[in-house]
N, C-alpha and C. Protein backbone atom coordinates (compact mmCIF):
# COMPACT_ATOMS: atom_id res chain seq x y z
N MET A 1 201.93 233.79 182.82
CA MET A 1 200.51 232.97 183.46
C MET A 1 201.72 233.78 184.66
N ARG A 2 200.56 234.07 185.38
CA ARG A 2 201.80 233.96 186.85
C ARG A 2 200.93 233.61 187.88
N ALA A 3 201.80 234.05 189.04
CA ALA A 3 200.51 233.25 191.23
C ALA A 3 199.62 234.19 190.91
N GLN A 4 198.61 233.85 191.97
CA GLN A 4 198.00 234.89 192.54
C GLN A 4 198.32 233.65 194.17
N THR A 5 198.70 235.63 195.05
CA THR A 5 199.31 235.38 195.95
C THR A 5 197.78 235.84 197.12
N ALA A 6 197.55 236.85 196.71
CA ALA A 6 196.34 236.71 197.77
C ALA A 6 194.90 236.00 198.23
N LEU A 7 195.40 235.10 198.81
CA LEU A 7 193.93 234.48 198.83
C LEU A 7 193.48 234.04 199.37
N THR A 8 191.89 234.91 199.85
CA THR A 8 191.15 235.47 200.79
C THR A 8 190.30 233.94 201.11
N PRO A 9 189.95 234.11 201.80
CA PRO A 9 188.74 232.55 202.10
C PRO A 9 188.03 232.59 201.32
N GLU A 10 187.72 233.61 200.43
CA GLU A 10 186.77 233.95 199.21
C GLU A 10 187.44 233.26 198.22
N ARG A 11 188.21 233.68 197.59
CA ARG A 11 188.95 232.97 196.44
C ARG A 11 189.34 232.05 196.38
N THR A 12 189.86 231.54 197.45
CA THR A 12 189.94 230.40 197.85
C THR A 12 188.12 228.88 197.76
N ALA A 13 187.80 229.41 197.72
CA ALA A 13 186.30 229.08 197.80
C ALA A 13 186.19 228.78 195.82
N ASP A 14 186.35 229.88 195.82
CA ASP A 14 185.79 230.47 194.33
C ASP A 14 186.11 229.12 193.41
N ARG A 15 188.24 229.19 193.67
CA ARG A 15 188.95 228.20 193.06
C ARG A 15 188.88 226.79 193.50
N LEU A 16 188.30 226.33 194.74
CA LEU A 16 187.71 224.70 194.55
C LEU A 16 186.36 225.11 194.49
N ALA A 17 185.30 225.35 193.98
CA ALA A 17 184.48 225.71 193.18
C ALA A 17 184.62 225.66 191.72
N ILE A 18 185.58 226.07 191.47
CA ILE A 18 185.95 225.73 189.76
C ILE A 18 186.78 224.62 189.37
N ARG A 19 187.85 224.46 190.24
CA ARG A 19 188.32 222.62 190.71
C ARG A 19 186.50 221.62 190.40
N ALA A 20 186.24 222.19 191.24
CA ALA A 20 184.76 221.18 191.43
C ALA A 20 184.28 220.53 190.10
N LEU A 21 184.50 222.20 189.19
CA LEU A 21 183.10 222.13 187.96
C LEU A 21 183.64 221.33 186.85
N ILE A 22 185.30 221.46 186.90
CA ILE A 22 186.50 220.60 186.24
C ILE A 22 186.52 219.37 185.87
N ASP A 23 186.36 219.37 187.26
CA ASP A 23 186.50 217.76 187.14
C ASP A 23 184.91 216.82 187.17
N ALA A 24 183.42 217.67 187.87
CA ALA A 24 182.26 217.45 187.67
C ALA A 24 181.93 217.10 186.09
N TYR A 25 182.70 218.20 184.95
CA TYR A 25 182.83 217.28 183.57
C TYR A 25 183.30 216.16 183.50
N ALA A 26 184.25 216.53 183.34
CA ALA A 26 184.90 215.40 183.13
C ALA A 26 184.18 213.67 183.67
N HIS A 27 183.88 213.76 185.05
CA HIS A 27 182.50 212.83 185.47
C HIS A 27 181.81 212.33 185.07
N PHE A 28 180.62 213.91 184.62
CA PHE A 28 179.57 213.66 183.33
C PHE A 28 179.67 212.88 182.43
N ALA A 29 181.43 213.09 182.03
CA ALA A 29 181.60 212.47 180.62
C ALA A 29 181.46 210.62 180.98
N ASP A 30 182.29 210.19 181.57
CA ASP A 30 182.83 208.69 181.92
C ASP A 30 181.67 208.45 182.42
N ARG A 31 180.19 209.00 183.01
CA ARG A 31 179.48 208.16 183.56
C ARG A 31 178.67 208.34 182.26
N ARG A 32 178.46 208.85 181.17
CA ARG A 32 177.71 209.26 180.19
C ARG A 32 176.13 209.66 180.80
N LYS A 33 176.32 210.90 180.92
CA LYS A 33 175.69 211.79 181.79
C LYS A 33 175.49 212.95 180.76
N PRO A 34 175.21 212.97 179.71
CA PRO A 34 174.96 214.07 178.87
C PRO A 34 174.92 215.40 179.21
N GLU A 35 173.36 215.23 179.70
CA GLU A 35 172.48 216.51 180.65
C GLU A 35 173.05 216.81 181.28
N GLU A 36 173.61 216.32 183.21
CA GLU A 36 173.77 216.70 183.75
C GLU A 36 175.17 217.46 183.72
N GLN A 37 176.00 216.81 182.10
CA GLN A 37 177.46 217.51 181.59
C GLN A 37 177.28 219.03 181.59
N ALA A 38 175.70 219.45 180.42
CA ALA A 38 175.61 220.55 180.02
C ALA A 38 175.00 221.70 180.71
N ALA A 39 174.51 220.66 181.93
CA ALA A 39 174.18 221.98 182.79
C ALA A 39 175.35 222.26 183.20
N LEU A 40 176.36 222.18 182.99
CA LEU A 40 177.77 222.46 183.93
C LEU A 40 177.79 223.99 183.12
N TYR A 41 177.28 224.24 181.95
CA TYR A 41 177.30 225.57 180.93
C TYR A 41 176.12 226.61 181.53
N ALA A 42 176.90 227.67 181.37
CA ALA A 42 175.70 229.12 181.29
C ALA A 42 174.51 228.58 180.21
N GLU A 43 173.58 229.35 180.10
CA GLU A 43 172.70 228.96 178.75
C GLU A 43 172.82 228.64 177.85
N ASP A 44 173.70 230.72 177.39
CA ASP A 44 174.81 230.71 176.10
C ASP A 44 175.66 230.26 176.07
N GLY A 45 176.63 229.47 177.16
CA GLY A 45 177.88 228.82 177.08
C GLY A 45 177.73 228.15 175.95
N ARG A 46 179.36 228.19 175.55
CA ARG A 46 180.08 228.12 173.91
C ARG A 46 181.19 226.62 174.28
N THR A 47 180.99 226.02 173.24
CA THR A 47 182.44 224.93 173.56
C THR A 47 182.98 225.43 172.46
N PHE A 48 183.93 225.44 171.88
CA PHE A 48 184.96 225.00 170.48
C PHE A 48 185.98 224.19 170.58
N VAL A 49 185.94 223.09 170.03
CA VAL A 49 186.76 221.77 169.39
C VAL A 49 187.98 222.05 168.17
N TYR A 50 189.46 221.75 168.99
CA TYR A 50 189.94 222.23 167.79
C TYR A 50 191.54 220.70 168.45
N ASN A 51 192.02 220.28 166.56
CA ASN A 51 192.00 218.87 166.63
C ASN A 51 193.29 219.36 166.70
N GLY A 52 193.89 220.45 167.40
CA GLY A 52 195.40 220.54 167.79
C GLY A 52 196.11 221.03 166.32
N ASP A 53 195.82 220.96 165.49
CA ASP A 53 196.70 221.08 163.57
C ASP A 53 196.91 223.11 164.22
N SER A 54 197.80 223.42 164.20
CA SER A 54 198.94 224.91 164.08
C SER A 54 198.84 224.93 162.68
N SER A 55 198.42 224.64 161.74
CA SER A 55 198.52 225.46 160.69
C SER A 55 196.77 226.33 160.41
N THR A 56 195.61 225.67 161.42
CA THR A 56 194.76 226.18 160.93
C THR A 56 194.08 226.62 162.63
N SER A 57 193.65 227.25 162.95
CA SER A 57 192.87 228.30 163.77
C SER A 57 191.69 228.30 164.19
N GLU A 58 191.13 227.53 162.98
CA GLU A 58 189.61 227.82 162.72
C GLU A 58 188.92 226.36 163.44
N PRO A 59 188.10 225.99 164.95
CA PRO A 59 187.99 224.94 165.63
C PRO A 59 186.74 223.52 164.45
N VAL A 60 187.10 222.42 164.59
CA VAL A 60 186.58 221.53 164.08
C VAL A 60 184.79 221.12 164.46
N GLN A 61 184.21 221.99 165.10
CA GLN A 61 183.49 221.40 165.58
C GLN A 61 182.83 222.74 166.96
N VAL A 62 181.91 223.37 166.86
CA VAL A 62 181.20 224.44 167.73
C VAL A 62 180.09 224.14 168.59
N LEU A 63 180.11 224.38 170.06
CA LEU A 63 178.49 223.94 170.41
C LEU A 63 178.12 225.43 171.29
N ALA A 64 176.97 225.80 171.42
CA ALA A 64 176.81 226.62 172.15
C ALA A 64 175.29 225.91 172.12
N GLY A 65 174.82 226.30 173.53
CA GLY A 65 173.90 226.58 174.62
C GLY A 65 174.01 224.44 175.05
N ARG A 66 173.19 225.08 176.39
CA ARG A 66 173.47 223.43 176.98
C ARG A 66 172.14 222.08 175.64
N ALA A 67 171.09 222.21 175.13
CA ALA A 67 170.33 221.70 174.21
C ALA A 67 171.58 220.79 172.90
N GLU A 68 172.51 222.02 172.84
CA GLU A 68 173.38 221.70 171.99
C GLU A 68 174.68 220.46 172.36
N HIS A 69 175.47 221.25 173.10
CA HIS A 69 175.91 220.36 174.32
C HIS A 69 175.55 219.14 174.60
N ALA A 70 173.95 218.70 175.49
CA ALA A 70 174.22 216.91 176.26
C ALA A 70 173.95 216.72 174.53
N GLU A 71 173.38 217.36 172.86
CA GLU A 71 173.21 216.44 171.85
C GLU A 71 174.84 216.20 171.22
N GLY A 72 175.29 216.44 171.14
CA GLY A 72 176.88 216.92 171.47
C GLY A 72 177.71 215.63 172.12
N PHE A 73 177.31 215.64 173.52
CA PHE A 73 178.43 215.02 173.95
C PHE A 73 177.62 213.25 174.10
N LYS A 74 176.63 213.08 172.70
CA LYS A 74 176.31 211.86 173.35
C LYS A 74 177.29 210.88 172.27
N VAL A 75 178.60 211.93 171.49
CA VAL A 75 178.98 210.48 171.31
C VAL A 75 179.97 210.17 171.95
N LEU A 76 179.84 210.50 173.17
CA LEU A 76 180.99 209.71 173.75
C LEU A 76 180.25 208.54 173.90
N SER A 77 178.68 207.95 173.89
CA SER A 77 178.22 206.13 173.66
C SER A 77 178.96 205.98 172.86
N GLN A 78 179.34 206.07 172.13
CA GLN A 78 179.93 204.73 171.02
C GLN A 78 181.42 204.50 171.32
N TYR A 79 181.67 204.54 173.11
CA TYR A 79 182.52 203.85 173.48
C TYR A 79 182.42 203.37 174.77
N VAL A 80 183.12 201.94 174.92
CA VAL A 80 182.41 201.14 175.57
C VAL A 80 182.97 201.54 177.36
N ALA A 81 183.81 202.15 177.21
CA ALA A 81 184.23 203.26 178.44
C ALA A 81 185.53 204.48 178.13
N THR A 82 185.16 205.16 179.11
CA THR A 82 186.42 206.30 178.67
C THR A 82 186.83 206.79 180.23
N THR A 83 187.82 207.14 180.28
CA THR A 83 188.33 207.31 181.30
C THR A 83 189.37 208.66 182.11
N HIS A 84 188.95 210.21 182.03
CA HIS A 84 189.50 211.92 181.95
C HIS A 84 190.40 211.78 183.06
N PHE A 85 191.72 212.21 183.36
CA PHE A 85 192.14 212.05 183.81
C PHE A 85 192.71 213.59 183.79
N ASN A 86 192.06 214.81 184.61
CA ASN A 86 192.37 216.23 184.95
C ASN A 86 193.58 216.15 185.63
N GLY A 87 195.10 217.42 185.09
CA GLY A 87 195.65 217.42 185.58
C GLY A 87 195.62 219.11 186.49
N GLN A 88 197.30 219.72 185.88
CA GLN A 88 197.36 221.11 186.58
C GLN A 88 195.96 221.75 185.66
N SER A 89 195.81 222.49 186.92
CA SER A 89 195.16 223.57 186.55
C SER A 89 195.85 224.85 186.50
N THR A 90 195.12 226.08 185.82
CA THR A 90 195.27 227.29 186.33
C THR A 90 193.96 227.88 186.54
N VAL A 91 194.29 229.20 187.25
CA VAL A 91 192.78 230.12 187.46
C VAL A 91 192.87 231.90 187.35
N THR A 92 192.84 232.22 186.57
CA THR A 92 192.54 233.49 187.64
C THR A 92 191.39 233.69 187.10
N LEU A 93 191.03 234.13 188.76
CA LEU A 93 190.49 235.07 189.12
C LEU A 93 189.86 236.36 188.93
N ASN A 94 188.15 237.02 188.20
CA ASN A 94 188.27 238.60 187.79
C ASN A 94 187.04 238.82 188.60
N GLY A 95 186.51 239.18 189.80
CA GLY A 95 185.34 239.02 190.42
C GLY A 95 184.48 237.67 189.49
N ASP A 96 182.89 238.35 189.45
CA ASP A 96 182.54 237.23 189.09
C ASP A 96 182.62 236.06 187.83
N ARG A 97 183.86 236.28 186.90
CA ARG A 97 184.27 236.08 186.00
C ARG A 97 186.51 235.21 186.35
N ALA A 98 186.05 234.63 185.74
CA ALA A 98 187.04 233.65 185.50
C ALA A 98 188.28 232.85 183.97
N THR A 99 188.93 233.50 184.25
CA THR A 99 189.72 231.99 183.33
C THR A 99 190.51 231.20 183.87
N GLY A 100 191.10 230.16 182.95
CA GLY A 100 191.94 229.22 183.05
C GLY A 100 191.89 228.02 182.12
N GLU A 101 193.04 227.06 182.61
CA GLU A 101 193.33 226.04 181.41
C GLU A 101 194.17 224.91 182.37
N THR A 102 193.40 224.01 181.88
CA THR A 102 193.63 222.45 182.25
C THR A 102 194.25 221.98 181.35
N TYR A 103 195.01 220.76 181.88
CA TYR A 103 195.69 219.58 181.63
C TYR A 103 194.72 217.65 181.92
N CYS A 104 194.80 217.33 180.94
CA CYS A 104 194.07 215.97 180.83
C CYS A 104 194.36 215.05 179.36
N LEU A 105 194.08 214.17 179.89
CA LEU A 105 193.96 212.58 179.74
C LEU A 105 193.28 212.01 179.64
N ALA A 106 192.55 211.91 177.88
CA ALA A 106 191.31 210.77 178.63
C ALA A 106 191.55 209.74 177.06
N HIS A 107 191.05 208.77 178.00
CA HIS A 107 191.39 207.66 177.62
C HIS A 107 189.99 206.77 176.93
N HIS A 108 189.71 206.53 175.97
CA HIS A 108 188.68 206.15 175.03
C HIS A 108 189.18 204.69 174.70
N LEU A 109 187.77 203.85 175.41
CA LEU A 109 188.06 202.46 175.35
C LEU A 109 186.78 201.96 173.51
N LEU A 110 187.13 201.54 172.55
CA LEU A 110 186.43 201.41 171.45
C LEU A 110 186.39 199.66 171.12
N GLU A 111 185.47 199.11 170.82
CA GLU A 111 185.08 197.98 170.50
C GLU A 111 184.49 197.78 169.21
N THR A 112 185.47 196.58 168.32
CA THR A 112 184.08 197.49 166.97
C THR A 112 184.59 195.70 166.29
N ASP A 113 183.70 195.26 165.48
CA ASP A 113 184.41 193.92 165.04
C ASP A 113 185.81 193.64 164.84
N GLU A 114 186.48 195.28 164.10
CA GLU A 114 187.76 194.35 164.24
C GLU A 114 188.70 193.86 165.15
N GLY A 115 187.73 194.42 166.76
CA GLY A 115 188.56 194.30 167.88
C GLY A 115 188.90 195.26 168.33
N ARG A 116 189.33 195.57 170.22
CA ARG A 116 189.44 196.78 170.43
C ARG A 116 190.46 197.26 170.42
N THR A 117 190.40 199.05 170.43
CA THR A 117 191.00 199.78 170.94
C THR A 117 191.08 200.72 171.45
N LEU A 118 192.12 201.49 171.51
CA LEU A 118 192.29 202.54 172.74
C LEU A 118 193.09 203.19 172.42
N ILE A 119 192.22 204.66 173.00
CA ILE A 119 192.66 205.62 171.59
C ILE A 119 192.88 206.69 173.09
N VAL A 120 194.10 206.97 173.17
CA VAL A 120 194.86 208.07 174.50
C VAL A 120 194.61 209.14 173.52
N MET A 121 194.19 210.73 174.80
CA MET A 121 194.18 211.93 173.75
C MET A 121 194.62 213.39 174.61
N SER A 122 195.53 213.91 174.89
CA SER A 122 195.82 214.96 175.64
C SER A 122 195.17 215.74 174.95
N ILE A 123 194.93 216.49 176.09
CA ILE A 123 193.28 217.56 175.77
C ILE A 123 193.70 218.86 176.83
N ARG A 124 194.12 220.08 176.47
CA ARG A 124 193.77 220.99 176.77
C ARG A 124 192.64 221.87 176.92
N TYR A 125 192.28 222.30 178.60
CA TYR A 125 191.20 223.13 178.68
C TYR A 125 191.51 224.38 178.28
N GLU A 126 190.80 225.14 177.67
CA GLU A 126 191.16 226.91 177.96
C GLU A 126 189.81 227.68 177.80
N ASP A 127 189.46 227.36 179.43
CA ASP A 127 188.53 227.95 179.94
C ASP A 127 188.15 229.61 180.37
N THR A 128 186.94 230.18 179.68
CA THR A 128 185.99 230.97 180.34
C THR A 128 184.93 230.97 181.70
N PHE A 129 185.30 231.50 182.47
CA PHE A 129 183.57 230.26 184.50
C PHE A 129 183.55 231.32 183.78
N VAL A 130 181.91 231.97 184.59
CA VAL A 130 181.36 233.13 185.15
C VAL A 130 180.59 231.93 186.42
N LYS A 131 180.26 233.26 187.67
CA LYS A 131 179.28 232.85 188.52
C LYS A 131 177.78 233.32 188.53
N HIS A 132 177.49 232.43 188.48
CA HIS A 132 176.16 232.48 188.30
C HIS A 132 174.79 232.65 189.65
N ASP A 133 174.49 232.97 189.77
CA ASP A 133 173.61 232.86 191.99
C ASP A 133 174.43 231.96 191.98
N ASP A 134 175.98 231.92 192.34
CA ASP A 134 176.79 231.95 193.43
C ASP A 134 176.95 230.74 193.18
N THR A 135 177.07 229.90 191.38
CA THR A 135 177.47 228.84 191.38
C THR A 135 178.59 229.58 190.41
N TRP A 136 179.90 228.53 190.15
CA TRP A 136 180.62 228.90 188.64
C TRP A 136 179.68 227.81 187.74
N LEU A 137 180.02 228.22 186.60
CA LEU A 137 178.99 227.78 185.16
C LEU A 137 180.65 227.79 184.21
N PHE A 138 180.39 226.81 182.84
CA PHE A 138 181.19 228.15 182.02
C PHE A 138 181.05 228.34 181.16
N ALA A 139 181.36 229.20 180.58
CA ALA A 139 180.93 230.41 179.50
C ALA A 139 181.54 230.26 178.55
N GLU A 140 182.28 229.68 177.85
CA GLU A 140 183.41 229.26 177.11
C GLU A 140 184.73 228.00 177.04
N ARG A 141 184.57 226.98 176.89
CA ARG A 141 185.16 226.19 176.22
C ARG A 141 185.95 225.53 175.31
N LYS A 142 187.46 225.94 175.07
CA LYS A 142 187.63 225.41 174.21
C LYS A 142 188.90 224.15 174.66
N LEU A 143 188.34 223.37 174.01
CA LEU A 143 189.06 221.77 174.11
C LEU A 143 190.55 221.74 172.38
N ILE A 144 191.13 221.93 173.46
CA ILE A 144 192.68 221.30 172.06
C ILE A 144 192.41 219.92 172.23
N ILE A 145 193.10 219.60 171.26
CA ILE A 145 193.72 217.90 171.24
C ILE A 145 194.99 218.72 170.64
N ASP A 146 196.22 218.00 171.87
CA ASP A 146 197.03 218.54 170.59
C ASP A 146 197.63 216.95 170.06
N TRP A 147 197.86 215.87 170.64
CA TRP A 147 197.75 214.58 170.38
C TRP A 147 197.30 213.34 171.23
N THR A 148 197.77 212.34 169.63
CA THR A 148 196.35 211.15 170.49
C THR A 148 197.61 210.00 169.57
N ASP A 149 197.37 209.25 170.30
CA ASP A 149 198.02 207.62 170.10
C ASP A 149 197.14 206.06 170.21
N THR A 150 196.53 205.97 169.01
CA THR A 150 195.94 204.87 168.77
C THR A 150 196.65 203.76 168.66
N ARG A 151 195.49 202.66 169.70
CA ARG A 151 196.47 201.22 169.75
C ARG A 151 195.84 200.16 170.25
N PRO A 152 195.71 198.72 169.56
CA PRO A 152 195.32 197.31 169.92
C PRO A 152 195.14 198.30 171.84
N SER A 153 194.12 196.92 172.13
CA SER A 153 194.08 196.75 173.02
C SER A 153 193.41 195.76 173.41
N GLN A 154 194.37 194.75 174.36
CA GLN A 154 193.48 193.31 174.89
C GLN A 154 193.08 193.22 176.36
N PRO A 155 191.59 192.83 176.45
CA PRO A 155 191.21 192.75 177.63
C PRO A 155 192.52 192.58 179.06
C-alpha cells in the first residue's frame, strides 16, 4: 500500500463518495434495510464471506446480484441490535474503478431464552468499486472475519 499524493478535486470527491458508500452499507445494516443495502451494489455485484480460518481460502458464503444480497442481509434481523463501527479505510482510484480495504468492529446483540449475548466481530472488507452513472457502487466485497468475541451481556 502506498499513499496517493495527487488529490485533485475530482479524486477527492471520488474518495469521499466511496467512504459515504462504505458508511451507508453499515447504516442500512444497522437499520435493517436489506433492500437499500443491496442497492449499494452493481447489478452483478458479489460478496464473498470468509470466516478468517487461515487453513482455507474458500468463502463460507457467496452472494451474487442485488436480490441475493437483499435476502442474505435479512440474517441481521435475528439480532435485537447491531452497531458497525467503520475504522480506517484505504482507497486506490483507477478511473471509474477503485479498490480498497476497510476495518470494522461489528457488535451484534442477541437475546434468547438462555439470556442476552454480545458478539463482537473484527471485520476487514476488501472491496472493488465501480462508478456507474456518476455513482460509486460495490462491484465486489470480501467480508473477512478476523476474530470474534462472544460473551454474556447485561442490559
